[in-house]
Every structure is written in C-alpha cells, then in structure tokens.
Amino acid sequence: MPDTKTMTSAELYAAAREVERSEMAAKALLADSVQPVYQFTLTPTDSSFDKIFDGSGCSVYKLSATVVNKAEVEAVGGKIREGGLSYLFNHLNGRFVCSTGGGQIWLDDGTFGKPFDVEAFTALANYLLEVNIDGGDVTEIILAARSKKV
C-alpha cells in the first residue's frame, strides 16, 4: 500500500474506488457460491382476489416457489426470490385459461410479450388431471421448463 500521506486527493479517491471494486467483486463471488434450491407447488386457492362467481367448472390454482436453502443463501448475501402467481384452470377442457393477477412469474405465460409455454402448462394440467387434482409438488415440471430457457 502506498504512503497515503503523500497522495493527492484524486489518487486517494482512485485507490478507495479500487478497494471498493475489489470488495464488491468478493461479495458477488461469495453470494454466487450458494445458489437457491427451489421447491415449486401448485395448490388450489380461494383468495378473495380470485373468486369464481358462477361455478363454471373452473378453479384457481397458485403456482408458488419457496427456497429450500434460504438460510444458506442469505448467509452469503445471495438473493432470494419466492412467491407465486395464480392461474385459472378449466376442468371441462383440462387446460389453464389465464393468470388471475399479479405476482412472481415462474413460467412464460404470454406476459410481457414472451410466448406462452404450452408444453409446461400442459404438463401442469396433466399433473392435476392424472396425479392429484388438489395439486402438490411440481418442482420437476417447473425446473424442466425453466432449464429450456437458459
């Protein structure tokens, strides 16, 4: 380290910025060292925001994500993204019809100009129809769909 007593203010400022950049890079490396492990669930919801008025054979399901290793990610300063979004499911044709409000988007659903991920939503519908109409753990389906985007 140079003798700071003889440095100009510009040199001191430049040295401080370099130390700051080094510290930021080290923090970023540490934060990236532990990646979040997600669990995705699809569950029926009766939120007051998602009421169905006519009982037309549709239900609202929420696709939610939680970080299983949250404590480890937070310990290294990593970012946590959790939450979910509700979707309207038509039991008569076995398809998801639309999203029903704001929230965390985990699959391309046509929002923001991105194409609708037919394959992923078909897999979710098949899960409801063939495995458990009450929903459950759909982590494999979501991770498979998201891995195609990388």
N, C-alpha and C. Protein backbone atom coordinates (compact mmCIF):
# COMPACT_ATOMS: atom_id res chain seq x y z
N MET A 1 0.85 -1.18 0.00
CA MET A 1 0.00 0.00 0.00
C MET A 1 0.89 1.23 0.00
N PRO A 2 0.63 2.16 -0.88
CA PRO A 2 1.44 3.38 -0.94
C PRO A 2 1.22 4.24 0.30
N ASP A 3 2.15 5.14 0.51
CA ASP A 3 2.07 6.06 1.65
C ASP A 3 0.97 7.07 1.36
N THR A 4 -0.14 6.94 2.09
CA THR A 4 -1.29 7.79 1.83
C THR A 4 -1.06 9.25 2.23
N LYS A 5 -0.03 9.52 3.03
CA LYS A 5 0.25 10.90 3.46
C LYS A 5 0.73 11.75 2.30
N THR A 6 1.33 11.10 1.30
CA THR A 6 1.88 11.87 0.17
C THR A 6 0.98 11.82 -1.07
N MET A 7 -0.16 11.16 -0.97
CA MET A 7 -1.05 11.03 -2.13
C MET A 7 -1.97 12.24 -2.25
N THR A 8 -2.27 12.57 -3.50
CA THR A 8 -3.22 13.65 -3.75
C THR A 8 -4.63 13.13 -3.48
N SER A 9 -5.58 14.06 -3.39
CA SER A 9 -6.96 13.63 -3.15
C SER A 9 -7.48 12.77 -4.31
N ALA A 10 -7.08 13.08 -5.52
CA ALA A 10 -7.50 12.27 -6.68
C ALA A 10 -6.93 10.86 -6.57
N GLU A 11 -5.68 10.74 -6.16
CA GLU A 11 -5.06 9.42 -6.00
C GLU A 11 -5.73 8.64 -4.87
N LEU A 12 -6.06 9.33 -3.77
CA LEU A 12 -6.74 8.68 -2.65
C LEU A 12 -8.13 8.19 -3.09
N TYR A 13 -8.81 9.03 -3.85
CA TYR A 13 -10.14 8.67 -4.33
C TYR A 13 -10.04 7.44 -5.25
N ALA A 14 -9.07 7.44 -6.15
CA ALA A 14 -8.89 6.31 -7.07
C ALA A 14 -8.55 5.03 -6.31
N ALA A 15 -7.71 5.14 -5.30
CA ALA A 15 -7.34 3.97 -4.50
C ALA A 15 -8.55 3.44 -3.73
N ALA A 16 -9.35 4.37 -3.20
CA ALA A 16 -10.55 3.96 -2.46
C ALA A 16 -11.53 3.26 -3.40
N ARG A 17 -11.70 3.77 -4.60
CA ARG A 17 -12.61 3.14 -5.58
C ARG A 17 -12.13 1.74 -5.94
N GLU A 18 -10.82 1.57 -6.07
CA GLU A 18 -10.27 0.26 -6.40
C GLU A 18 -10.53 -0.74 -5.27
N VAL A 19 -10.35 -0.31 -4.02
CA VAL A 19 -10.64 -1.17 -2.88
C VAL A 19 -12.13 -1.51 -2.86
N GLU A 20 -12.97 -0.52 -3.13
CA GLU A 20 -14.42 -0.74 -3.16
C GLU A 20 -14.80 -1.75 -4.25
N ARG A 21 -14.20 -1.62 -5.43
CA ARG A 21 -14.47 -2.57 -6.52
C ARG A 21 -14.04 -3.98 -6.13
N SER A 22 -12.91 -4.10 -5.48
CA SER A 22 -12.42 -5.41 -5.03
C SER A 22 -13.37 -6.03 -4.02
N GLU A 23 -13.82 -5.23 -3.08
CA GLU A 23 -14.76 -5.73 -2.06
C GLU A 23 -16.08 -6.15 -2.69
N MET A 24 -16.57 -5.37 -3.64
CA MET A 24 -17.83 -5.71 -4.31
C MET A 24 -17.69 -7.01 -5.10
N ALA A 25 -16.55 -7.18 -5.76
CA ALA A 25 -16.32 -8.40 -6.54
C ALA A 25 -16.26 -9.61 -5.61
N ALA A 26 -15.60 -9.46 -4.46
CA ALA A 26 -15.51 -10.56 -3.50
C ALA A 26 -16.89 -10.91 -2.94
N LYS A 27 -17.71 -9.90 -2.64
CA LYS A 27 -19.07 -10.15 -2.15
C LYS A 27 -19.91 -10.86 -3.20
N ALA A 28 -19.77 -10.45 -4.46
CA ALA A 28 -20.53 -11.08 -5.54
C ALA A 28 -20.12 -12.55 -5.70
N LEU A 29 -18.82 -12.83 -5.63
CA LEU A 29 -18.36 -14.23 -5.71
C LEU A 29 -18.91 -15.06 -4.57
N LEU A 30 -18.90 -14.50 -3.37
CA LEU A 30 -19.42 -15.21 -2.21
C LEU A 30 -20.92 -15.47 -2.38
N ALA A 31 -21.67 -14.45 -2.80
CA ALA A 31 -23.12 -14.60 -2.99
C ALA A 31 -23.43 -15.65 -4.05
N ASP A 32 -22.61 -15.72 -5.09
CA ASP A 32 -22.83 -16.70 -6.17
C ASP A 32 -22.40 -18.11 -5.78
N SER A 33 -21.69 -18.23 -4.65
CA SER A 33 -21.18 -19.55 -4.26
C SER A 33 -22.29 -20.49 -3.77
N VAL A 34 -23.42 -19.93 -3.36
CA VAL A 34 -24.55 -20.76 -2.91
C VAL A 34 -25.77 -20.34 -3.72
N GLN A 35 -26.21 -21.24 -4.58
CA GLN A 35 -27.38 -20.96 -5.42
C GLN A 35 -28.64 -21.42 -4.70
N PRO A 36 -29.75 -20.68 -4.87
CA PRO A 36 -31.00 -21.11 -4.24
C PRO A 36 -31.52 -22.42 -4.83
N VAL A 37 -32.05 -23.26 -3.96
CA VAL A 37 -32.69 -24.51 -4.37
C VAL A 37 -34.19 -24.30 -4.18
N TYR A 38 -34.94 -24.37 -5.29
CA TYR A 38 -36.37 -24.07 -5.25
C TYR A 38 -37.22 -25.32 -5.13
N GLN A 39 -38.36 -25.15 -4.44
CA GLN A 39 -39.43 -26.13 -4.45
C GLN A 39 -40.66 -25.40 -4.97
N PHE A 40 -41.30 -25.99 -5.98
CA PHE A 40 -42.48 -25.39 -6.60
C PHE A 40 -43.70 -26.22 -6.24
N THR A 41 -44.78 -25.55 -5.85
CA THR A 41 -46.03 -26.24 -5.55
C THR A 41 -47.17 -25.59 -6.33
N LEU A 42 -48.12 -26.41 -6.67
CA LEU A 42 -49.34 -25.96 -7.34
C LEU A 42 -50.49 -26.34 -6.41
N THR A 43 -51.21 -25.35 -5.91
CA THR A 43 -52.26 -25.61 -4.94
C THR A 43 -53.51 -24.80 -5.26
N PRO A 44 -54.69 -25.36 -4.95
CA PRO A 44 -55.92 -24.60 -5.14
C PRO A 44 -55.91 -23.39 -4.20
N THR A 45 -56.48 -22.32 -4.63
CA THR A 45 -56.53 -21.13 -3.78
C THR A 45 -57.95 -20.57 -3.78
N ASP A 46 -58.32 -19.98 -2.67
CA ASP A 46 -59.63 -19.33 -2.59
C ASP A 46 -59.43 -17.88 -2.14
N SER A 47 -58.38 -17.29 -2.64
CA SER A 47 -58.07 -15.90 -2.32
C SER A 47 -59.26 -15.00 -2.68
N SER A 48 -59.45 -13.97 -1.88
CA SER A 48 -60.55 -13.04 -2.16
C SER A 48 -60.33 -12.30 -3.49
N PHE A 49 -59.12 -12.31 -3.99
CA PHE A 49 -58.83 -11.68 -5.28
C PHE A 49 -59.16 -12.59 -6.46
N ASP A 50 -59.33 -13.88 -6.19
CA ASP A 50 -59.51 -14.87 -7.25
C ASP A 50 -60.85 -15.59 -7.15
N LYS A 51 -61.89 -14.89 -6.82
CA LYS A 51 -63.21 -15.53 -6.66
C LYS A 51 -63.80 -15.89 -8.01
N ILE A 52 -64.39 -17.08 -8.08
CA ILE A 52 -65.13 -17.51 -9.27
C ILE A 52 -66.60 -17.43 -8.89
N PHE A 53 -67.37 -16.69 -9.66
CA PHE A 53 -68.74 -16.38 -9.28
C PHE A 53 -69.78 -17.40 -9.71
N ASP A 54 -69.58 -18.07 -10.83
CA ASP A 54 -70.67 -18.89 -11.36
C ASP A 54 -70.44 -20.40 -11.26
N GLY A 55 -69.36 -20.84 -10.65
CA GLY A 55 -69.12 -22.27 -10.51
C GLY A 55 -69.10 -22.99 -11.85
N SER A 56 -68.44 -22.42 -12.82
CA SER A 56 -68.49 -22.90 -14.20
C SER A 56 -67.52 -24.02 -14.52
N GLY A 57 -67.07 -24.76 -13.55
CA GLY A 57 -66.13 -25.83 -13.83
C GLY A 57 -64.70 -25.37 -13.85
N CYS A 58 -64.44 -24.19 -13.30
CA CYS A 58 -63.09 -23.66 -13.24
C CYS A 58 -62.65 -23.53 -11.79
N SER A 59 -61.35 -23.63 -11.58
CA SER A 59 -60.74 -23.43 -10.26
C SER A 59 -59.50 -22.58 -10.43
N VAL A 60 -59.12 -21.92 -9.36
CA VAL A 60 -57.90 -21.12 -9.37
C VAL A 60 -56.83 -21.88 -8.60
N TYR A 61 -55.66 -22.02 -9.23
CA TYR A 61 -54.51 -22.66 -8.61
C TYR A 61 -53.38 -21.66 -8.53
N LYS A 62 -52.62 -21.74 -7.45
CA LYS A 62 -51.46 -20.86 -7.30
C LYS A 62 -50.19 -21.68 -7.48
N LEU A 63 -49.34 -21.21 -8.38
CA LEU A 63 -48.02 -21.79 -8.58
C LEU A 63 -47.05 -20.98 -7.74
N SER A 64 -46.50 -21.61 -6.69
CA SER A 64 -45.65 -20.90 -5.73
C SER A 64 -44.27 -21.53 -5.67
N ALA A 65 -43.31 -20.69 -5.30
CA ALA A 65 -41.94 -21.16 -5.11
C ALA A 65 -41.45 -20.76 -3.72
N THR A 66 -40.75 -21.69 -3.10
CA THR A 66 -40.05 -21.39 -1.85
C THR A 66 -38.60 -21.85 -2.02
N VAL A 67 -37.71 -21.17 -1.34
CA VAL A 67 -36.30 -21.52 -1.38
C VAL A 67 -36.02 -22.45 -0.21
N VAL A 68 -35.61 -23.67 -0.51
CA VAL A 68 -35.38 -24.69 0.49
C VAL A 68 -34.16 -24.36 1.35
N ASN A 69 -33.13 -23.81 0.74
CA ASN A 69 -31.89 -23.50 1.46
C ASN A 69 -31.76 -21.99 1.73
N LYS A 70 -32.85 -21.38 2.16
CA LYS A 70 -32.92 -19.93 2.36
C LYS A 70 -31.84 -19.41 3.32
N ALA A 71 -31.66 -20.08 4.44
CA ALA A 71 -30.67 -19.63 5.43
C ALA A 71 -29.27 -19.59 4.84
N GLU A 72 -28.91 -20.61 4.07
CA GLU A 72 -27.56 -20.67 3.49
C GLU A 72 -27.36 -19.56 2.45
N VAL A 73 -28.38 -19.31 1.64
CA VAL A 73 -28.29 -18.27 0.61
C VAL A 73 -28.17 -16.90 1.27
N GLU A 74 -29.00 -16.64 2.27
CA GLU A 74 -28.95 -15.35 2.96
C GLU A 74 -27.63 -15.16 3.69
N ALA A 75 -27.04 -16.24 4.22
CA ALA A 75 -25.79 -16.15 4.97
C ALA A 75 -24.63 -15.62 4.12
N VAL A 76 -24.68 -15.88 2.82
CA VAL A 76 -23.61 -15.41 1.93
C VAL A 76 -24.02 -14.16 1.15
N GLY A 77 -25.18 -13.61 1.50
CA GLY A 77 -25.63 -12.38 0.82
C GLY A 77 -26.30 -12.62 -0.51
N GLY A 78 -26.74 -13.85 -0.77
CA GLY A 78 -27.41 -14.16 -2.02
C GLY A 78 -28.82 -13.61 -2.06
N LYS A 79 -29.39 -13.56 -3.26
CA LYS A 79 -30.73 -13.03 -3.44
C LYS A 79 -31.76 -14.14 -3.39
N ILE A 80 -32.86 -13.86 -2.71
CA ILE A 80 -33.96 -14.80 -2.55
C ILE A 80 -35.14 -14.28 -3.35
N ARG A 81 -35.67 -15.13 -4.23
CA ARG A 81 -36.92 -14.82 -4.97
C ARG A 81 -37.91 -15.92 -4.65
N GLU A 82 -38.99 -15.55 -4.01
CA GLU A 82 -40.04 -16.51 -3.71
C GLU A 82 -41.36 -15.91 -4.17
N GLY A 83 -42.44 -16.62 -3.94
CA GLY A 83 -43.76 -16.11 -4.29
C GLY A 83 -44.36 -16.90 -5.42
N GLY A 84 -45.48 -16.40 -5.91
CA GLY A 84 -46.16 -17.15 -6.96
C GLY A 84 -47.19 -16.32 -7.69
N LEU A 85 -47.92 -17.01 -8.55
CA LEU A 85 -48.94 -16.39 -9.38
C LEU A 85 -50.08 -17.38 -9.51
N SER A 86 -51.31 -16.85 -9.55
CA SER A 86 -52.49 -17.70 -9.66
C SER A 86 -52.93 -17.83 -11.11
N TYR A 87 -53.44 -19.03 -11.43
CA TYR A 87 -53.90 -19.33 -12.78
C TYR A 87 -55.29 -19.97 -12.72
N LEU A 88 -56.11 -19.67 -13.70
CA LEU A 88 -57.45 -20.23 -13.81
C LEU A 88 -57.36 -21.54 -14.60
N PHE A 89 -57.88 -22.61 -14.00
CA PHE A 89 -57.85 -23.94 -14.63
C PHE A 89 -59.28 -24.35 -14.96
N ASN A 90 -59.50 -24.74 -16.22
CA ASN A 90 -60.81 -25.18 -16.69
C ASN A 90 -60.87 -26.71 -16.61
N HIS A 91 -61.68 -27.22 -15.70
CA HIS A 91 -61.80 -28.68 -15.53
C HIS A 91 -62.51 -29.34 -16.71
N LEU A 92 -63.30 -28.59 -17.44
CA LEU A 92 -64.06 -29.15 -18.56
C LEU A 92 -63.17 -29.51 -19.74
N ASN A 93 -62.18 -28.65 -20.03
CA ASN A 93 -61.28 -28.97 -21.15
C ASN A 93 -59.88 -29.35 -20.68
N GLY A 94 -59.62 -29.30 -19.35
CA GLY A 94 -58.33 -29.71 -18.81
C GLY A 94 -57.19 -28.78 -19.16
N ARG A 95 -57.49 -27.48 -19.25
CA ARG A 95 -56.44 -26.51 -19.62
C ARG A 95 -56.44 -25.32 -18.67
N PHE A 96 -55.25 -24.72 -18.58
CA PHE A 96 -55.16 -23.44 -17.88
C PHE A 96 -55.63 -22.37 -18.85
N VAL A 97 -56.45 -21.46 -18.34
CA VAL A 97 -57.08 -20.45 -19.19
C VAL A 97 -56.30 -19.14 -19.18
N CYS A 98 -55.91 -18.69 -17.99
CA CYS A 98 -55.21 -17.40 -17.88
C CYS A 98 -54.64 -17.24 -16.48
N SER A 99 -53.78 -16.24 -16.32
CA SER A 99 -53.35 -15.86 -14.98
C SER A 99 -54.42 -14.92 -14.42
N THR A 100 -54.50 -14.85 -13.10
CA THR A 100 -55.58 -14.07 -12.50
C THR A 100 -55.09 -12.89 -11.69
N GLY A 101 -53.89 -12.45 -11.89
CA GLY A 101 -53.44 -11.28 -11.15
C GLY A 101 -51.94 -11.18 -11.12
N GLY A 102 -51.46 -10.27 -10.33
CA GLY A 102 -50.02 -10.04 -10.23
C GLY A 102 -49.33 -11.05 -9.34
N GLY A 103 -48.04 -11.08 -9.44
CA GLY A 103 -47.24 -12.00 -8.62
C GLY A 103 -45.95 -12.35 -9.31
N GLN A 104 -45.27 -13.33 -8.76
CA GLN A 104 -43.99 -13.79 -9.30
C GLN A 104 -44.23 -14.79 -10.42
N ILE A 105 -43.75 -14.47 -11.61
CA ILE A 105 -43.94 -15.34 -12.78
C ILE A 105 -42.79 -16.34 -12.86
N TRP A 106 -43.13 -17.63 -12.86
CA TRP A 106 -42.11 -18.68 -12.96
C TRP A 106 -42.10 -19.37 -14.31
N LEU A 107 -43.19 -19.25 -15.06
CA LEU A 107 -43.29 -19.85 -16.40
C LEU A 107 -43.71 -18.76 -17.38
N ASP A 108 -43.27 -18.88 -18.61
CA ASP A 108 -43.71 -17.92 -19.63
C ASP A 108 -45.19 -18.14 -19.90
N ASP A 109 -45.97 -17.12 -19.57
CA ASP A 109 -47.43 -17.25 -19.70
C ASP A 109 -48.01 -16.22 -20.66
N GLY A 110 -47.18 -15.73 -21.56
CA GLY A 110 -47.65 -14.74 -22.52
C GLY A 110 -47.51 -13.31 -22.04
N THR A 111 -47.10 -13.14 -20.80
CA THR A 111 -46.95 -11.81 -20.23
C THR A 111 -45.69 -11.14 -20.78
N PHE A 112 -45.73 -9.85 -20.94
CA PHE A 112 -44.58 -9.06 -21.37
C PHE A 112 -44.04 -9.50 -22.73
N GLY A 113 -44.92 -9.97 -23.59
CA GLY A 113 -44.54 -10.32 -24.95
C GLY A 113 -43.81 -11.64 -25.10
N LYS A 114 -43.63 -12.38 -23.99
CA LYS A 114 -42.98 -13.69 -24.09
C LYS A 114 -44.01 -14.72 -24.55
N PRO A 115 -43.59 -15.69 -25.33
CA PRO A 115 -44.55 -16.68 -25.82
C PRO A 115 -45.06 -17.57 -24.68
N PHE A 116 -46.29 -17.98 -24.80
CA PHE A 116 -46.92 -18.88 -23.83
C PHE A 116 -46.23 -20.24 -23.90
N ASP A 117 -45.82 -20.78 -22.75
CA ASP A 117 -45.14 -22.08 -22.70
C ASP A 117 -46.18 -23.20 -22.65
N VAL A 118 -46.66 -23.59 -23.82
CA VAL A 118 -47.72 -24.59 -23.94
C VAL A 118 -47.29 -25.90 -23.29
N GLU A 119 -46.08 -26.31 -23.53
CA GLU A 119 -45.60 -27.59 -23.01
C GLU A 119 -45.63 -27.62 -21.48
N ALA A 120 -45.16 -26.56 -20.85
CA ALA A 120 -45.13 -26.53 -19.38
C ALA A 120 -46.53 -26.50 -18.79
N PHE A 121 -47.40 -25.68 -19.34
CA PHE A 121 -48.76 -25.61 -18.81
C PHE A 121 -49.55 -26.89 -19.09
N THR A 122 -49.25 -27.56 -20.18
CA THR A 122 -49.87 -28.86 -20.45
C THR A 122 -49.40 -29.88 -19.42
N ALA A 123 -48.12 -29.85 -19.09
CA ALA A 123 -47.58 -30.77 -18.08
C ALA A 123 -48.23 -30.51 -16.72
N LEU A 124 -48.44 -29.23 -16.37
CA LEU A 124 -49.11 -28.91 -15.10
C LEU A 124 -50.56 -29.39 -15.12
N ALA A 125 -51.25 -29.19 -16.23
CA ALA A 125 -52.64 -29.65 -16.35
C ALA A 125 -52.70 -31.17 -16.23
N ASN A 126 -51.79 -31.87 -16.88
CA ASN A 126 -51.75 -33.33 -16.80
C ASN A 126 -51.48 -33.78 -15.37
N TYR A 127 -50.63 -33.04 -14.66
CA TYR A 127 -50.37 -33.37 -13.26
C TYR A 127 -51.67 -33.32 -12.46
N LEU A 128 -52.44 -32.24 -12.65
CA LEU A 128 -53.71 -32.11 -11.94
C LEU A 128 -54.68 -33.22 -12.32
N LEU A 129 -54.78 -33.52 -13.59
CA LEU A 129 -55.76 -34.49 -14.07
C LEU A 129 -55.37 -35.94 -13.79
N GLU A 130 -54.07 -36.23 -13.82
CA GLU A 130 -53.62 -37.61 -13.72
C GLU A 130 -53.00 -37.99 -12.39
N VAL A 131 -52.46 -37.00 -11.67
CA VAL A 131 -51.75 -37.31 -10.43
C VAL A 131 -52.55 -36.87 -9.21
N ASN A 132 -52.88 -35.58 -9.13
CA ASN A 132 -53.56 -35.07 -7.94
C ASN A 132 -54.29 -33.77 -8.26
N ILE A 133 -55.60 -33.82 -8.30
CA ILE A 133 -56.40 -32.64 -8.61
C ILE A 133 -56.24 -31.56 -7.53
N ASP A 134 -55.78 -31.96 -6.34
CA ASP A 134 -55.54 -31.00 -5.26
C ASP A 134 -54.17 -30.36 -5.35
N GLY A 135 -53.42 -30.65 -6.41
CA GLY A 135 -52.10 -30.06 -6.59
C GLY A 135 -51.04 -30.78 -5.80
N GLY A 136 -49.91 -30.12 -5.66
CA GLY A 136 -48.79 -30.72 -4.93
C GLY A 136 -47.46 -30.21 -5.45
N ASP A 137 -46.43 -31.02 -5.24
CA ASP A 137 -45.07 -30.64 -5.62
C ASP A 137 -44.89 -30.81 -7.13
N VAL A 138 -44.64 -29.71 -7.83
CA VAL A 138 -44.45 -29.74 -9.29
C VAL A 138 -43.04 -29.23 -9.65
N THR A 139 -42.12 -29.40 -8.73
CA THR A 139 -40.75 -28.88 -8.92
C THR A 139 -40.13 -29.40 -10.21
N GLU A 140 -40.23 -30.69 -10.47
CA GLU A 140 -39.60 -31.26 -11.67
C GLU A 140 -40.14 -30.63 -12.95
N ILE A 141 -41.43 -30.39 -13.00
CA ILE A 141 -42.05 -29.79 -14.19
C ILE A 141 -41.53 -28.38 -14.41
N ILE A 142 -41.50 -27.59 -13.35
CA ILE A 142 -41.08 -26.19 -13.47
C ILE A 142 -39.60 -26.10 -13.80
N LEU A 143 -38.76 -26.88 -13.12
CA LEU A 143 -37.33 -26.82 -13.41
C LEU A 143 -37.03 -27.27 -14.84
N ALA A 144 -37.74 -28.27 -15.31
CA ALA A 144 -37.54 -28.72 -16.69
C ALA A 144 -37.91 -27.60 -17.67
N ALA A 145 -39.01 -26.92 -17.41
CA ALA A 145 -39.43 -25.83 -18.30
C ALA A 145 -38.45 -24.66 -18.24
N ARG A 146 -37.99 -24.33 -17.03
CA ARG A 146 -37.07 -23.20 -16.87
C ARG A 146 -35.69 -23.51 -17.44
N SER A 147 -35.29 -24.79 -17.43
CA SER A 147 -33.97 -25.14 -17.96
C SER A 147 -33.91 -24.97 -19.47
N LYS A 148 -35.06 -25.01 -20.15
CA LYS A 148 -35.09 -24.79 -21.60
C LYS A 148 -34.78 -23.33 -21.94
N LYS A 149 -34.98 -22.44 -20.96
CA LYS A 149 -34.84 -21.00 -21.22
C LYS A 149 -33.40 -20.53 -21.07
N VAL A 150 -32.58 -21.35 -20.45
CA VAL A 150 -31.20 -20.95 -20.14
C VAL A 150 -30.33 -20.97 -21.36
